[in-house]
Protein backbone atom coordinates (compact mmCIF):
# COMPACT_ATOMS: atom_id res chain seq x y z
CA MET A 1 -25.71 17.07 12.99
CA GLN A 2 -27.95 16.44 15.24
CA TYR A 3 -27.33 16.84 18.98
CA LYS A 4 -29.17 14.99 21.72
CA PHE A 5 -29.04 15.80 25.61
CA THR A 6 -31.20 14.18 28.58
CA ALA A 7 -32.37 17.01 31.80
CA TYR A 8 -33.48 14.27 34.09
CA SER A 9 -34.50 17.28 36.07
CA GLU A 10 -35.30 21.35 36.23
CA ASP A 11 -31.74 21.55 37.62
CA ASP A 12 -30.26 19.64 33.91
CA THR A 13 -32.33 22.20 32.23
CA ILE A 14 -31.22 25.17 33.90
CA GLU A 15 -27.66 24.47 33.04
CA LEU A 16 -27.94 23.68 29.75
CA ALA A 17 -29.56 26.73 29.45
CA GLN A 18 -26.65 28.18 31.10
CA ASN A 19 -23.86 26.88 28.91
CA ILE A 20 -25.73 28.58 26.30
CA GLU A 21 -26.10 31.76 27.56
CA SER A 22 -22.50 31.72 28.00
CA GLU A 23 -21.30 30.90 24.78
CA LYS A 24 -23.89 33.82 23.36
CA PHE A 25 -23.26 36.55 20.72
CA PRO A 26 -25.22 39.11 19.06
CA ASN A 27 -27.75 38.10 16.90
CA MET A 28 -27.94 34.86 18.26
CA VAL A 29 -31.57 32.65 17.85
CA ILE A 30 -32.81 30.11 19.54
CA CYS A 31 -35.57 28.68 18.86
CA LEU A 32 -37.55 26.63 21.35
CA GLU A 33 -40.20 23.87 20.43
CA GLY A 34 -42.04 21.67 22.14
CA ASP A 35 -45.74 20.46 23.86
CA LEU A 36 -46.91 22.65 27.06
CA GLY A 37 -45.38 22.12 30.18
CA SER A 38 -41.83 21.41 28.29
CA GLY A 39 -39.43 23.39 29.70
CA LYS A 40 -39.57 26.22 26.88
CA THR A 41 -39.93 29.22 29.37
CA VAL A 42 -37.77 26.83 31.83
CA PHE A 43 -34.95 27.38 29.20
CA ALA A 44 -35.63 31.36 29.10
CA LYS A 45 -35.71 32.20 32.67
CA ALA A 46 -31.56 30.95 32.82
CA PHE A 47 -30.86 31.63 30.46
CA ALA A 48 -31.80 35.32 31.39
CA LYS A 49 -30.25 35.08 34.55
CA ALA A 50 -27.25 33.50 33.79
CA ASP A 51 -27.74 36.84 31.22
CA GLY A 52 -27.92 38.96 34.16
CA ILE A 53 -30.91 39.73 33.88
CA SER A 54 -33.04 40.05 37.71
CA GLU A 55 -36.70 40.77 35.92
CA ASN A 56 -38.52 37.81 36.39
CA ILE A 57 -39.17 36.00 33.22
CA THR A 58 -42.68 34.85 32.14
CA SER A 59 -43.84 33.83 28.48
CA PRO A 60 -44.91 36.27 27.27
CA THR A 61 -48.18 35.46 25.24
CA PHE A 62 -50.20 37.95 25.03
CA THR A 63 -47.21 40.83 24.09
CA ILE A 64 -45.68 38.12 21.98
CA ILE A 65 -42.50 40.23 22.18
CA LYS A 66 -40.25 41.16 25.64
CA GLU A 67 -37.17 43.42 25.68
CA TYR A 68 -34.65 42.92 28.54
CA GLU A 69 -31.59 44.64 29.28
CA GLY A 70 -28.97 42.27 30.34
CA GLU A 71 -25.28 41.77 30.08
CA MET A 72 -26.69 41.28 26.28
CA LYS A 73 -30.25 42.23 25.28
CA LEU A 74 -32.56 39.79 25.31
CA PHE A 75 -35.63 39.18 23.14
CA HIS A 76 -37.89 37.26 24.39
CA MET A 77 -40.60 35.55 22.02
CA ASP A 78 -43.97 33.37 22.44
CA VAL A 79 -45.95 33.76 18.81
CA TYR A 80 -48.10 31.01 19.88
CA ARG A 81 -50.78 33.66 19.40
CA LEU A 82 -49.83 33.89 15.54
CA SER A 83 -50.41 30.59 13.79
CA ASP A 84 -53.31 31.60 12.09
CA VAL A 85 -51.85 36.01 11.97
CA LYS A 86 -50.34 36.29 8.98
CA GLN A 87 -49.79 39.58 8.80
CA ASP A 88 -45.87 41.24 9.27
CA ILE A 89 -45.47 42.55 12.58
CA GLY A 90 -41.61 42.98 12.68
CA ILE A 91 -40.21 39.92 14.21
CA GLU A 92 -37.46 39.62 11.79
CA GLU A 93 -36.69 43.28 13.00
CA TYR A 94 -35.18 41.41 15.86
CA PHE A 95 -32.58 39.18 14.44
CA THR A 96 -30.14 41.80 13.53
CA LYS A 97 -30.94 44.59 16.52
CA LYS A 98 -27.73 42.86 18.82
CA GLY A 99 -28.82 41.05 21.31
CA VAL A 100 -30.32 37.67 21.52
CA CYS A 101 -33.85 36.30 20.38
CA ILE A 102 -35.06 33.39 21.94
CA ILE A 103 -38.56 32.36 20.37
CA GLU A 104 -40.94 29.98 21.73
CA TRP A 105 -43.07 27.89 19.80
CA SER A 106 -41.03 28.29 16.43
CA ASP A 107 -42.73 25.90 14.46
CA LEU A 108 -45.44 28.32 13.88
CA ILE A 109 -42.98 31.20 12.16
CA GLU A 110 -40.39 28.53 10.46
CA ASP A 111 -41.24 30.38 6.42
CA ILE A 112 -39.50 33.84 8.33
CA LEU A 113 -36.73 32.77 10.76
CA PRO A 114 -33.13 33.36 9.71
CA LYS A 115 -31.09 30.90 7.90
CA ASN A 116 -28.59 30.07 10.76
CA ARG A 117 -30.19 30.27 14.28
CA LEU A 118 -30.00 27.13 16.70
CA ASP A 119 -33.47 25.16 16.96
CA ILE A 120 -34.02 23.13 20.17
CA ARG A 121 -37.02 20.42 20.10
CA ILE A 122 -37.84 19.49 23.61
CA LYS A 123 -39.73 16.28 24.21
CA ILE A 124 -41.41 15.59 27.44
CA ILE A 125 -40.58 12.38 28.43
CA ASP A 126 -41.91 12.11 31.42
CA GLU A 127 -42.84 14.17 35.10
CA ASN A 128 -38.88 15.22 35.80
CA THR A 129 -37.52 14.06 32.68
CA ARG A 130 -36.99 16.05 29.34
CA GLN A 131 -35.19 15.30 25.65
CA PHE A 132 -33.40 18.60 23.48
CA ILE A 133 -32.79 17.61 20.24
CA ILE A 134 -30.36 20.29 19.15
CA THR A 135 -29.69 21.63 15.88
CA PRO A 136 -27.81 23.65 14.58
CA HIS A 137 -27.86 25.83 11.12
CA GLY A 138 -24.69 27.90 10.70
CA SER A 139 -20.96 27.45 11.89
CA LYS A 140 -21.77 29.78 14.75
CA TYR A 141 -23.93 27.23 15.88
CA GLU A 142 -22.23 24.37 15.17
CA ASP A 143 -18.72 25.60 17.19
CA LEU A 144 -21.53 26.27 19.64
CA CYS A 145 -23.08 23.24 20.11
CA GLU A 146 -19.18 21.48 20.11
CA ARG A 147 -18.02 23.38 22.77
CA VAL A 148 -21.04 23.09 25.10
CA LEU A 149 -22.41 19.62 24.67
């Protein structure tokens, strides 16, 4: 099943991220896909803030993975630079570290993603409007979607 959510402003994106964060659980994996400027990092920042993280969240383009301490540890990943790298860099280890993984450009590493996860594809409609197509994989993620969407 897919869920659709339309954000008419950045505030709507922030609210969606906060609502999903309120239902977080250990080993949660959120996979974000979308063009540049679609709102992937806005979502990650809002999730982190709701998790009690006060550090400035930036897209980890050059470091691939940034770790943050909040109510629950957050592993923020940007795998854009891995599109043509096929070596094992240990990303899978983060899926079981009892934190939350948010992965930007997740479609580039689809072959190593866990079976159970939350896929969020963001489409740019216009300057302010985004459509979120949310696909839960696994019962925990289906339950989460039923609660927040």
